[in-house]
């Protein structure tokens, strides 16, 4: 995920191939709904001020093993 002040870009990649990409308005519930449509998805983002609220929302919604590091993402299983 690429989280910005007014939008969130989601991309699904497998084996180096882009499978799906979607840009949403910055809305916690909309992002959660979209992630639920991608069962078993693994999600990461680079930690920054615009992603912390979204991170807390997804954790409260049941996501697990969420990791984010500056410049590197450790992939974690999310809502699925």
Protein backbone atom coordinates (compact mmCIF):
# COMPACT_ATOMS: atom_id res chain seq x y z
CA UNK A 1 0.00 0.00 0.00
CA UNK A 2 1.10 3.52 -0.73
CA UNK A 3 -0.64 5.72 1.82
CA UNK A 4 -1.01 9.46 1.21
CA UNK A 5 -2.96 12.26 2.85
CA UNK A 6 -5.89 11.97 0.43
CA UNK A 7 -5.48 8.53 -1.20
CA UNK A 8 -4.32 4.94 -0.74
CA UNK A 9 -2.94 2.91 -3.63
CA UNK A 10 -3.24 -0.87 -3.35
CA UNK A 11 -1.40 -3.28 -5.63
CA UNK A 12 -1.45 -7.07 -5.83
CA UNK A 13 1.78 -8.65 -7.06
CA UNK A 14 2.60 -12.33 -7.50
CA UNK A 15 5.87 -13.65 -8.85
CA UNK A 16 6.86 -10.15 -9.91
CA UNK A 17 3.68 -9.71 -11.98
CA UNK A 18 1.18 -6.94 -11.21
CA UNK A 19 -2.20 -8.64 -10.85
CA UNK A 20 -4.37 -5.78 -9.71
CA UNK A 21 -4.04 -2.12 -8.76
CA UNK A 22 -6.58 0.21 -7.18
CA UNK A 23 -6.46 3.76 -5.83
CA UNK A 24 -9.00 4.74 -3.19
CA UNK A 25 -9.79 7.89 -1.28
CA UNK A 26 -8.18 7.94 2.16
CA UNK A 27 -11.02 6.22 3.99
CA UNK A 28 -10.31 3.49 6.55
CA UNK A 29 -13.51 1.55 5.92
CA UNK A 30 -13.10 1.67 2.12
CA UNK A 31 -9.56 0.29 2.39
CA UNK A 32 -10.72 -2.44 4.77
CA UNK A 33 -13.56 -3.43 2.39
CA UNK A 34 -11.15 -3.61 -0.55
CA UNK A 35 -8.65 -5.73 1.41
CA UNK A 36 -11.44 -8.13 2.41
CA UNK A 37 -12.08 -8.64 -1.33
CA UNK A 38 -8.46 -9.90 -1.63
CA UNK A 39 -8.58 -12.96 0.70
CA UNK A 40 -5.21 -14.00 2.06
CA UNK A 41 -3.54 -10.80 0.87
CA UNK A 42 -0.28 -9.79 2.49
CA UNK A 43 0.13 -6.07 3.01
CA UNK A 44 2.88 -3.66 3.90
CA UNK A 45 3.58 0.04 3.78
CA UNK A 46 6.50 2.26 4.64
CA UNK A 47 5.85 3.76 8.05
CA UNK A 48 4.89 7.39 7.91
CA UNK A 49 2.44 9.84 9.46
CA UNK A 50 -0.39 9.19 7.00
CA UNK A 51 -0.50 5.44 7.59
CA UNK A 52 -0.63 5.18 11.38
CA UNK A 53 -4.39 5.76 11.70
CA UNK A 54 -5.09 3.29 8.90
CA UNK A 55 -2.77 0.77 10.55
CA UNK A 56 -4.62 1.07 13.88
CA UNK A 57 -7.97 0.67 12.09
CA UNK A 58 -6.85 -2.50 10.27
CA UNK A 59 -5.43 -4.01 13.46
CA UNK A 60 -8.74 -3.34 15.24
CA UNK A 61 -10.56 -4.95 12.28
CA UNK A 62 -8.63 -8.17 12.75
CA UNK A 63 -5.44 -7.92 10.72
CA UNK A 64 -2.39 -9.66 12.15
CA UNK A 65 1.38 -9.59 11.79
CA UNK A 66 1.51 -6.12 10.27
CA UNK A 67 5.06 -4.86 9.83
CA UNK A 68 6.45 -1.72 8.34
CA UNK A 69 9.99 -0.41 8.32
CA UNK A 70 11.56 2.63 6.77
CA UNK A 71 12.45 1.66 3.22
CA UNK A 72 11.67 -2.07 3.68
CA UNK A 73 8.43 -3.87 4.29
CA UNK A 74 8.21 -7.15 6.10
CA UNK A 75 5.13 -8.78 4.70
CA UNK A 76 2.36 -9.74 7.11
CA UNK A 77 -0.92 -11.54 6.70
CA UNK A 78 -3.88 -9.20 6.74
CA UNK A 79 -7.64 -9.54 6.84
CA UNK A 80 -8.61 -12.56 4.85
